[in-house]
Amino acid sequence: MTRTNHHDPNYQNGDFDLSYHLEMISDPERVSKSKAAIDASIFPDAVFCELGCGTGIFSIYAAKKCKKVYAIEYDKKMMEIAKKNGVLDKIEFILADAINVKLPEKVDVVYCEMMSIWLIAEPQVIVMNNILQFLNKKATVIPNKVVNLVQVANTDYVHDGIEIKTSIAEFSGIKAARVATESKVVNTINLKKTNPVDIKKNN
């Protein structure tokens, strides 16, 4: 793992670095808004499912507020960490790929935060397409849509005279990008319905 590749885990093999998860759970805005969304959707008799539970912080949070939680994770190492932290009487951990996981029952709330630029590196759309069959009629999906925007900007990738090529500037110490245009909405993806997926493999 290096400074530049820890944002690019090996999703195909379920191989993630702990620093990747640590960065996510250390983001106060991400964590607080995710918990607020769960609070707004969950109820005592709810069945909750988290797709890609990682360290399990949101599954554990939900388990304290609902009847049952299914926590899906593809990384064996992360699954063991989540189990150690988990509310085991309420959480059923399932080691599986969320792209084709089968749930034992239908659920009331789904939390799946597999966000990447344009939803390409992380399979949010494919995962949500699969899970729709396990949603109760009035189920809540968190997040329920994704808005893709485009904006032209430029950065030097330089910090203290050293060029640092990294995917996320905020965590590297380099200067913020110089924005050249306004943000424009390219498309909006509704995650509560099946979305077309066109995957082309290079030989």
Foldseek 3Di string as FASTA:
>chain_A
DDQACLCQADLVQLGHDVVNVVVQVPPVVNVVVVLVVLVVFAAAAFEEEEQACQLNPVQQSRQVGYQAYEYEGQHPVSLVNNVVVHPVVHYDYDHDHLLADDDPAAGAEYEYDQDDQVCPSGVLQSSLLNNLVRHDPNHYYVPFKDWHKDFDWDFQCDDPRDRHDHDDVVPPRGDDTGTDDDIDTDDMGGSNHRDDDDDDDDD
